[in-house]
Amino acid sequence: MSESIPKDQEFIDYVVKALVDHSDDVKTERTVDEMGVLITLHVNPEDMGQVIGRSGQTARSLRTLLRVVGAKNNARVNLKIYEPEGSQGPRRPRFERESMHGTGPVGTADTSMVDDLKI
């Protein structure tokens, strides 16, 4: 007898496969513990940007929709997007990157007017 895929896992598989370019590489793992259901999503590294989205908006939306599917089935469902070792990890907001490298507003401030003041 074949085991049916739970609705929450089936849902995330369907949506993510529609978003990415390498749909054959989409894999999900589902674990249940005292905290609820955790679905771990594995995608092709080239598709990470499409799954996460600008400022994490797509990932946030996927998690929200998955919680709704879980609530309908009286389960607390969370989504973890697997990042393989050596991946870049979360990006910092642009203003932080610029100030760290001296290329943004903090690093390029022109203080020459203040330096020439005679007080």
Protein backbone atom coordinates (compact mmCIF):
# COMPACT_ATOMS: atom_id res chain seq x y z
CA MET A 1 0.00 0.00 0.00
CA SER A 2 1.51 3.35 -0.99
CA GLU A 3 1.68 6.11 1.58
CA SER A 4 -0.04 9.34 0.57
CA ILE A 5 1.81 12.64 0.80
CA PRO A 6 0.43 14.96 3.52
CA LYS A 7 -1.47 17.99 2.18
CA ASP A 8 1.03 20.54 3.56
CA GLN A 9 4.00 18.82 1.91
CA GLU A 10 2.09 18.32 -1.34
CA PHE A 11 1.14 22.01 -1.33
CA ILE A 12 4.69 23.31 -0.90
CA ASP A 13 6.00 20.87 -3.55
CA TYR A 14 3.41 22.09 -6.04
CA VAL A 15 3.95 25.81 -5.44
CA VAL A 16 7.77 25.71 -5.40
CA LYS A 17 7.97 23.53 -8.51
CA ALA A 18 5.88 26.17 -10.31
CA LEU A 19 8.31 28.93 -9.19
CA VAL A 20 11.71 27.44 -10.01
CA ASP A 21 13.58 26.61 -13.22
CA HIS A 22 14.84 23.20 -12.01
CA SER A 23 11.60 21.63 -10.77
CA ASP A 24 13.08 18.11 -10.82
CA ASP A 25 15.53 19.19 -8.07
CA VAL A 26 12.77 20.23 -5.62
CA LYS A 27 12.71 17.87 -2.64
CA THR A 28 10.92 18.16 0.69
CA GLU A 29 11.41 16.37 4.00
CA ARG A 30 8.64 16.37 6.60
CA THR A 31 9.27 15.81 10.30
CA VAL A 32 6.80 15.95 13.17
CA ASP A 33 7.70 16.59 16.81
CA GLU A 34 6.19 18.24 19.89
CA MET A 35 6.61 21.68 18.27
CA GLY A 36 4.57 20.71 15.21
CA VAL A 37 5.45 19.96 11.59
CA LEU A 38 8.70 21.06 9.97
CA ILE A 39 9.04 20.89 6.21
CA THR A 40 12.61 21.25 4.94
CA LEU A 41 12.82 22.42 1.34
CA HIS A 42 15.76 21.52 -0.90
CA VAL A 43 16.12 23.30 -4.26
CA ASN A 44 18.80 23.68 -6.88
CA PRO A 45 21.28 26.41 -5.75
CA GLU A 46 20.50 28.37 -8.93
CA ASP A 47 16.85 28.59 -7.81
CA MET A 48 17.51 29.91 -4.29
CA GLY A 49 16.89 33.51 -5.35
CA GLN A 50 13.51 32.64 -6.83
CA VAL A 51 12.43 30.79 -3.70
CA ILE A 52 13.66 33.44 -1.27
CA GLY A 53 12.66 36.46 -3.35
CA ARG A 54 13.54 40.10 -2.90
CA SER A 55 14.15 40.84 0.79
CA GLY A 56 12.85 37.36 1.60
CA GLN A 57 9.33 38.25 0.51
CA THR A 58 8.64 35.04 -1.44
CA ALA A 59 9.90 32.82 1.40
CA ARG A 60 7.81 34.79 3.89
CA SER A 61 4.73 34.36 1.69
CA LEU A 62 5.35 30.63 1.31
CA ARG A 63 5.58 30.29 5.09
CA THR A 64 2.35 32.24 5.58
CA LEU A 65 0.44 30.13 3.08
CA LEU A 66 1.86 26.94 4.59
CA ARG A 67 0.68 28.03 8.05
CA VAL A 68 -2.81 28.54 6.62
CA VAL A 69 -2.79 25.03 5.10
CA GLY A 70 -1.58 23.67 8.44
CA ALA A 71 -4.23 25.54 10.42
CA LYS A 72 -6.90 24.05 8.20
CA ASN A 73 -5.62 20.62 9.27
CA ASN A 74 -5.13 21.62 12.93
CA ALA A 75 -1.33 21.50 12.69
CA ARG A 76 1.42 24.03 13.28
CA VAL A 77 3.55 23.94 10.13
CA ASN A 78 6.91 25.67 9.58
CA LEU A 79 9.13 25.84 6.50
CA LYS A 80 12.91 25.64 6.53
CA ILE A 81 14.76 26.39 3.30
CA TYR A 82 17.91 24.26 3.25
CA GLU A 83 21.11 26.12 2.43
CA PRO A 84 24.02 23.84 1.51
CA GLU A 85 27.38 24.35 3.21
CA GLY A 86 29.45 27.02 1.52
CA SER A 87 26.46 29.03 0.35
CA GLN A 88 26.49 32.77 0.93
CA GLY A 89 23.81 32.84 3.60
CA PRO A 90 21.52 35.78 4.15
CA ARG A 91 22.55 39.05 2.54
CA ARG A 92 22.85 42.19 4.56
CA PRO A 93 20.74 45.21 3.68
CA ARG A 94 22.42 47.44 1.11
CA PHE A 95 23.15 50.31 3.49
CA GLU A 96 24.99 47.94 5.87
CA ARG A 97 27.14 46.50 3.05
CA GLU A 98 27.99 49.98 1.79
CA SER A 99 28.96 51.35 5.18
CA MET A 100 31.10 48.27 5.92
CA HIS A 101 33.08 48.69 2.71
CA GLY A 102 33.32 52.48 2.80
CA THR A 103 31.30 52.88 -0.38
CA GLY A 104 28.01 54.07 1.04
CA PRO A 105 26.73 57.13 2.82
CA VAL A 106 28.80 56.53 5.97
CA GLY A 107 32.09 55.80 4.20
CA THR A 108 31.92 58.67 1.69
CA ALA A 109 30.88 61.61 3.87
CA ASP A 110 32.60 64.81 2.76
CA THR A 111 33.79 66.59 5.91
CA SER A 112 35.90 69.23 4.18
CA MET A 113 33.40 72.02 4.93
CA VAL A 114 33.44 71.24 8.62
CA ASP A 115 37.20 70.91 8.70
CA ASP A 116 37.63 74.46 7.30
CA LEU A 117 35.29 76.12 9.78
CA LYS A 118 36.94 78.62 12.11
CA ILE A 119 35.03 78.54 15.34
